[in-house]
Structure formats: structure tokens, C-alpha cells
N, C-alpha and C. Protein backbone atom coordinates (compact mmCIF):
# COMPACT_ATOMS: atom_id res chain seq x y z
N MET A 1 0.84 -1.16 0.00
CA MET A 1 0.00 0.00 0.00
C MET A 1 0.90 1.24 0.00
N THR A 2 0.56 2.23 -0.80
CA THR A 2 1.32 3.46 -0.89
C THR A 2 0.67 4.53 -0.01
N ILE A 3 1.47 5.16 0.81
CA ILE A 3 0.97 6.22 1.68
C ILE A 3 1.54 7.54 1.17
N HIS A 4 0.65 8.50 0.92
CA HIS A 4 1.07 9.81 0.43
C HIS A 4 1.13 10.78 1.60
N ALA A 5 2.26 11.36 1.81
CA ALA A 5 2.44 12.34 2.88
C ALA A 5 2.45 13.73 2.26
N PRO A 6 1.88 14.71 2.95
CA PRO A 6 1.91 16.08 2.40
C PRO A 6 3.34 16.60 2.35
N ILE A 7 3.61 17.39 1.34
CA ILE A 7 4.95 17.95 1.16
C ILE A 7 5.07 19.20 2.01
N SER A 8 6.07 19.24 2.84
CA SER A 8 6.28 20.41 3.69
C SER A 8 7.03 21.48 2.90
N HIS A 9 7.13 22.64 3.50
CA HIS A 9 7.78 23.76 2.84
C HIS A 9 9.25 23.47 2.55
N ALA A 10 9.89 22.71 3.42
CA ALA A 10 11.31 22.42 3.25
C ALA A 10 11.56 21.48 2.07
N ASP A 11 10.56 20.68 1.69
CA ASP A 11 10.73 19.71 0.61
C ASP A 11 10.34 20.26 -0.76
N ARG A 12 10.01 21.53 -0.84
CA ARG A 12 9.57 22.09 -2.13
C ARG A 12 10.66 22.02 -3.19
N SER A 13 11.89 22.09 -2.78
CA SER A 13 12.97 22.07 -3.77
C SER A 13 13.12 20.69 -4.43
N LEU A 14 12.52 19.69 -3.84
CA LEU A 14 12.60 18.36 -4.40
C LEU A 14 11.57 18.12 -5.50
N LEU A 15 10.59 19.00 -5.61
CA LEU A 15 9.56 18.85 -6.63
C LEU A 15 10.07 19.27 -8.00
N PRO A 16 9.51 18.71 -9.05
CA PRO A 16 9.84 19.22 -10.39
C PRO A 16 9.38 20.66 -10.53
N ARG A 17 10.07 21.41 -11.32
CA ARG A 17 9.78 22.84 -11.48
C ARG A 17 8.36 23.11 -11.96
N ALA A 18 7.80 22.23 -12.78
CA ALA A 18 6.45 22.43 -13.30
C ALA A 18 5.39 22.31 -12.23
N LEU A 19 5.69 21.66 -11.12
CA LEU A 19 4.70 21.48 -10.06
C LEU A 19 4.75 22.55 -8.98
N LEU A 20 5.79 23.37 -9.00
CA LEU A 20 5.90 24.42 -7.99
C LEU A 20 4.87 25.51 -8.27
N GLY A 21 4.22 25.96 -7.22
CA GLY A 21 3.28 27.06 -7.37
C GLY A 21 4.02 28.36 -7.60
N ARG A 22 3.44 29.22 -8.40
CA ARG A 22 4.08 30.50 -8.70
C ARG A 22 3.15 31.64 -8.33
N ARG A 23 3.73 32.75 -7.99
CA ARG A 23 2.95 33.94 -7.69
C ARG A 23 2.43 34.54 -8.99
N PRO A 24 1.21 35.04 -8.97
CA PRO A 24 0.71 35.69 -10.18
C PRO A 24 1.48 36.98 -10.45
N ILE A 25 1.75 37.22 -11.70
CA ILE A 25 2.46 38.44 -12.09
C ILE A 25 1.42 39.50 -12.42
N ARG A 26 1.48 40.58 -11.68
CA ARG A 26 0.54 41.68 -11.91
C ARG A 26 1.23 42.75 -12.74
N ILE A 27 0.56 43.17 -13.77
CA ILE A 27 1.08 44.22 -14.64
C ILE A 27 0.14 45.40 -14.54
N TYR A 28 0.65 46.52 -14.08
CA TYR A 28 -0.15 47.74 -13.97
C TYR A 28 0.10 48.57 -15.22
N LEU A 29 -0.97 48.89 -15.89
CA LEU A 29 -0.86 49.64 -17.12
C LEU A 29 -0.31 51.03 -16.84
N CYS A 30 0.43 51.53 -17.75
CA CYS A 30 1.01 52.86 -17.62
C CYS A 30 -0.05 53.88 -18.03
N ALA A 31 -0.93 54.17 -17.12
CA ALA A 31 -2.00 55.13 -17.39
C ALA A 31 -1.45 56.55 -17.27
N GLU A 32 -2.15 57.46 -17.83
CA GLU A 32 -1.75 58.86 -17.76
C GLU A 32 -1.91 59.39 -16.33
N PHE A 33 -1.05 60.31 -15.94
CA PHE A 33 -1.18 60.96 -14.64
C PHE A 33 -2.32 61.96 -14.69
N ARG A 34 -2.96 62.19 -13.56
CA ARG A 34 -4.05 63.16 -13.49
C ARG A 34 -3.53 64.59 -13.56
N PHE A 35 -2.35 64.83 -12.99
CA PHE A 35 -1.79 66.19 -12.94
C PHE A 35 -0.37 66.17 -13.49
N ALA A 36 -0.02 67.25 -14.16
CA ALA A 36 1.34 67.41 -14.69
C ALA A 36 2.17 68.23 -13.72
N ALA A 37 3.48 68.19 -13.88
CA ALA A 37 4.36 69.02 -13.06
C ALA A 37 4.07 70.48 -13.35
N GLY A 38 3.90 71.27 -12.30
CA GLY A 38 3.59 72.68 -12.44
C GLY A 38 2.11 73.00 -12.32
N ASP A 39 1.24 72.00 -12.32
CA ASP A 39 -0.20 72.25 -12.17
C ASP A 39 -0.51 72.73 -10.76
N THR A 40 -1.55 73.53 -10.64
CA THR A 40 -2.03 74.00 -9.35
C THR A 40 -3.15 73.08 -8.89
N VAL A 41 -3.02 72.56 -7.67
CA VAL A 41 -3.98 71.60 -7.14
C VAL A 41 -4.44 72.04 -5.76
N THR A 42 -5.54 71.46 -5.30
CA THR A 42 -6.06 71.71 -3.97
C THR A 42 -5.84 70.47 -3.13
N PHE A 43 -5.25 70.65 -1.95
CA PHE A 43 -5.02 69.56 -1.01
C PHE A 43 -5.69 69.95 0.30
N GLY A 44 -6.93 69.50 0.48
CA GLY A 44 -7.70 69.92 1.64
C GLY A 44 -8.03 71.39 1.52
N ASP A 45 -7.63 72.20 2.52
CA ASP A 45 -7.84 73.65 2.48
C ASP A 45 -6.64 74.38 1.88
N HIS A 46 -5.64 73.65 1.48
CA HIS A 46 -4.41 74.25 0.96
C HIS A 46 -4.42 74.25 -0.57
N VAL A 47 -3.76 75.25 -1.12
CA VAL A 47 -3.50 75.28 -2.57
C VAL A 47 -2.02 74.98 -2.73
N ALA A 48 -1.71 74.11 -3.68
CA ALA A 48 -0.33 73.67 -3.85
C ALA A 48 0.02 73.59 -5.32
N SER A 49 1.31 73.50 -5.57
CA SER A 49 1.83 73.33 -6.92
C SER A 49 2.54 71.98 -6.99
N VAL A 50 2.29 71.23 -8.06
CA VAL A 50 2.91 69.92 -8.22
C VAL A 50 4.36 70.11 -8.65
N MET A 51 5.28 69.56 -7.85
CA MET A 51 6.70 69.66 -8.18
C MET A 51 7.11 68.50 -9.09
N THR A 52 6.96 67.28 -8.61
CA THR A 52 7.25 66.08 -9.40
C THR A 52 6.19 65.03 -9.10
N ARG A 53 6.24 63.95 -9.84
CA ARG A 53 5.26 62.88 -9.65
C ARG A 53 5.92 61.55 -9.95
N SER A 54 5.35 60.49 -9.41
CA SER A 54 5.86 59.15 -9.67
C SER A 54 4.73 58.16 -9.45
N ARG A 55 4.99 56.92 -9.77
CA ARG A 55 3.98 55.88 -9.59
C ARG A 55 4.56 54.82 -8.65
N SER A 56 3.75 54.36 -7.69
CA SER A 56 4.21 53.35 -6.74
C SER A 56 4.20 51.97 -7.38
N ALA A 57 4.70 50.99 -6.66
CA ALA A 57 4.72 49.62 -7.17
C ALA A 57 3.31 49.06 -7.34
N MET A 58 2.36 49.59 -6.60
CA MET A 58 0.97 49.15 -6.70
C MET A 58 0.19 49.93 -7.76
N GLY A 59 0.83 50.87 -8.43
CA GLY A 59 0.18 51.61 -9.50
C GLY A 59 -0.46 52.91 -9.05
N ARG A 60 -0.26 53.31 -7.80
CA ARG A 60 -0.86 54.56 -7.31
C ARG A 60 0.00 55.74 -7.71
N GLU A 61 -0.66 56.88 -7.87
CA GLU A 61 0.05 58.11 -8.23
C GLU A 61 0.55 58.79 -6.96
N ILE A 62 1.84 59.11 -6.93
CA ILE A 62 2.45 59.80 -5.81
C ILE A 62 2.90 61.16 -6.33
N TYR A 63 2.45 62.23 -5.66
CA TYR A 63 2.80 63.59 -6.07
C TYR A 63 3.60 64.26 -4.97
N TYR A 64 4.63 65.00 -5.36
CA TYR A 64 5.42 65.82 -4.45
C TYR A 64 4.99 67.26 -4.70
N ILE A 65 4.38 67.87 -3.69
CA ILE A 65 3.77 69.19 -3.87
C ILE A 65 4.44 70.21 -2.98
N GLN A 66 4.29 71.50 -3.37
CA GLN A 66 4.74 72.62 -2.56
C GLN A 66 3.51 73.45 -2.24
N LEU A 67 3.24 73.66 -0.96
CA LEU A 67 2.07 74.42 -0.55
C LEU A 67 2.27 75.89 -0.87
N ILE A 68 1.20 76.53 -1.36
CA ILE A 68 1.25 77.95 -1.70
C ILE A 68 0.51 78.75 -0.65
N THR A 69 -0.68 78.31 -0.28
CA THR A 69 -1.49 79.03 0.71
C THR A 69 -1.81 78.11 1.88
N GLY A 70 -2.27 78.72 2.98
CA GLY A 70 -2.66 77.96 4.16
C GLY A 70 -1.51 77.82 5.14
N GLY A 71 -1.84 77.34 6.33
CA GLY A 71 -0.82 77.12 7.36
C GLY A 71 0.04 75.93 7.01
N MET A 72 1.34 76.16 6.85
CA MET A 72 2.23 75.09 6.40
C MET A 72 2.85 74.32 7.56
N ALA A 73 2.77 74.88 8.76
CA ALA A 73 3.34 74.24 9.96
C ALA A 73 4.80 73.86 9.76
N GLY A 74 5.55 74.70 9.06
CA GLY A 74 6.97 74.44 8.85
C GLY A 74 7.26 73.37 7.81
N ARG A 75 6.24 72.91 7.10
CA ARG A 75 6.43 71.87 6.08
C ARG A 75 5.84 72.32 4.76
N PRO A 76 6.55 73.12 3.98
CA PRO A 76 5.98 73.58 2.71
C PRO A 76 5.96 72.51 1.62
N PHE A 77 6.75 71.43 1.78
CA PHE A 77 6.78 70.37 0.78
C PHE A 77 6.14 69.12 1.37
N ARG A 78 5.27 68.48 0.60
CA ARG A 78 4.58 67.28 1.07
C ARG A 78 4.61 66.21 0.00
N THR A 79 4.49 64.96 0.41
CA THR A 79 4.33 63.81 -0.48
C THR A 79 2.91 63.30 -0.28
N VAL A 80 2.12 63.28 -1.36
CA VAL A 80 0.69 63.03 -1.25
C VAL A 80 0.26 61.99 -2.27
N ASP A 81 -0.69 61.15 -1.87
CA ASP A 81 -1.33 60.21 -2.79
C ASP A 81 -2.22 61.02 -3.73
N GLY A 82 -2.28 60.65 -4.99
CA GLY A 82 -3.03 61.40 -5.99
C GLY A 82 -4.51 61.47 -5.74
N SER A 83 -5.08 60.53 -4.97
CA SER A 83 -6.51 60.54 -4.71
C SER A 83 -6.92 61.67 -3.77
N HIS A 84 -5.97 62.29 -3.08
CA HIS A 84 -6.26 63.37 -2.15
C HIS A 84 -6.19 64.76 -2.80
N LEU A 85 -5.88 64.82 -4.07
CA LEU A 85 -5.72 66.10 -4.76
C LEU A 85 -6.86 66.34 -5.73
N THR A 86 -7.23 67.62 -5.88
CA THR A 86 -8.22 68.02 -6.89
C THR A 86 -7.63 69.18 -7.68
N ALA A 87 -8.12 69.35 -8.90
CA ALA A 87 -7.61 70.41 -9.77
C ALA A 87 -8.08 71.76 -9.27
N CYS A 88 -7.27 72.78 -9.45
CA CYS A 88 -7.58 74.14 -9.02
C CYS A 88 -7.20 75.08 -10.16
N GLU A 89 -8.20 75.76 -10.73
CA GLU A 89 -7.95 76.67 -11.85
C GLU A 89 -7.25 77.95 -11.38
N ASN A 90 -7.88 78.67 -10.45
CA ASN A 90 -7.31 79.91 -9.94
C ASN A 90 -7.03 79.72 -8.46
N PRO A 91 -5.79 79.72 -8.05
CA PRO A 91 -5.48 79.42 -6.65
C PRO A 91 -5.93 80.49 -5.67
N TYR A 92 -6.27 81.68 -6.13
CA TYR A 92 -6.60 82.77 -5.21
C TYR A 92 -8.07 83.13 -5.18
N GLU A 93 -8.91 82.44 -5.95
CA GLU A 93 -10.33 82.78 -5.92
C GLU A 93 -10.99 82.15 -4.70
N ASN A 94 -11.93 82.86 -4.11
CA ASN A 94 -12.70 82.43 -2.95
C ASN A 94 -11.83 82.09 -1.74
N ARG A 95 -10.68 82.69 -1.64
CA ARG A 95 -9.83 82.44 -0.48
C ARG A 95 -9.46 83.73 0.23
N GLY A 96 -10.01 84.85 -0.21
CA GLY A 96 -9.74 86.11 0.44
C GLY A 96 -8.35 86.66 0.13
N GLN A 97 -7.68 86.14 -0.85
CA GLN A 97 -6.34 86.59 -1.17
C GLN A 97 -6.25 87.17 -2.58
N ALA A 98 -7.39 87.55 -3.14
CA ALA A 98 -7.39 88.08 -4.50
C ALA A 98 -6.66 89.42 -4.51
N SER A 99 -5.85 89.62 -5.51
CA SER A 99 -5.10 90.87 -5.59
C SER A 99 -6.02 91.98 -6.10
N SER A 100 -5.89 93.14 -5.50
CA SER A 100 -6.71 94.28 -5.92
C SER A 100 -5.79 95.32 -6.53
N ASN A 101 -6.02 95.63 -7.74
CA ASN A 101 -5.24 96.65 -8.45
C ASN A 101 -6.07 97.91 -8.58
N SER A 102 -6.25 98.66 -7.49
CA SER A 102 -7.04 99.89 -7.57
C SER A 102 -6.19 101.11 -7.40
């Protein structure tokens, strides 16, 4: 009678290569970024300018921004996930900082 014993982790190297389990390979498409370098964006109550951008290993957009308005708390440069940013056309509208040329 043949008795089959489960293969432990240490015995995996003894298996033929075709029987070894493999991790699925994930390919993240190179999608376009939402914001370009130099764009003005809103981060919460702050208005910021995008300095550089990159993509993480999981495919998320990472933006390096410089705050323009708002309390910076000594940190004018931030690293932010792209989902926390929104586009801002005019950084000074509705913020009480509009320039008056009278």
C-alpha cells in the first residue's frame, strides 16, 4: 500500500519545477497621470503646486507638492497620494487673497 504524505515547505525544492506554485504576475498599465508638473492643485484647504510625480509599485500616483497658501506648519513640501488632490484653476479665488489693483 502506498501512503502519500503532504509535502512540507522544506521539501519544495525536491519537486519538479512544473509542479511548484508561482505567484501571479501583476502588470499595472502605464496610465496617464491626473496632474502634470507645475499644475495648481487643492489639497484639503491648501492650494499647492505639483513639483514632481511618480507611480508606486501598486500603480498609485504619488505627487510631491509645494504648498502655496494655508498654514504650512513648517512643512511647505509634502508627499501626497493622488486621490487626495483636486484640480484648481485659480489658486486665489474664494480664499480672500485676490489681488486688488485699484
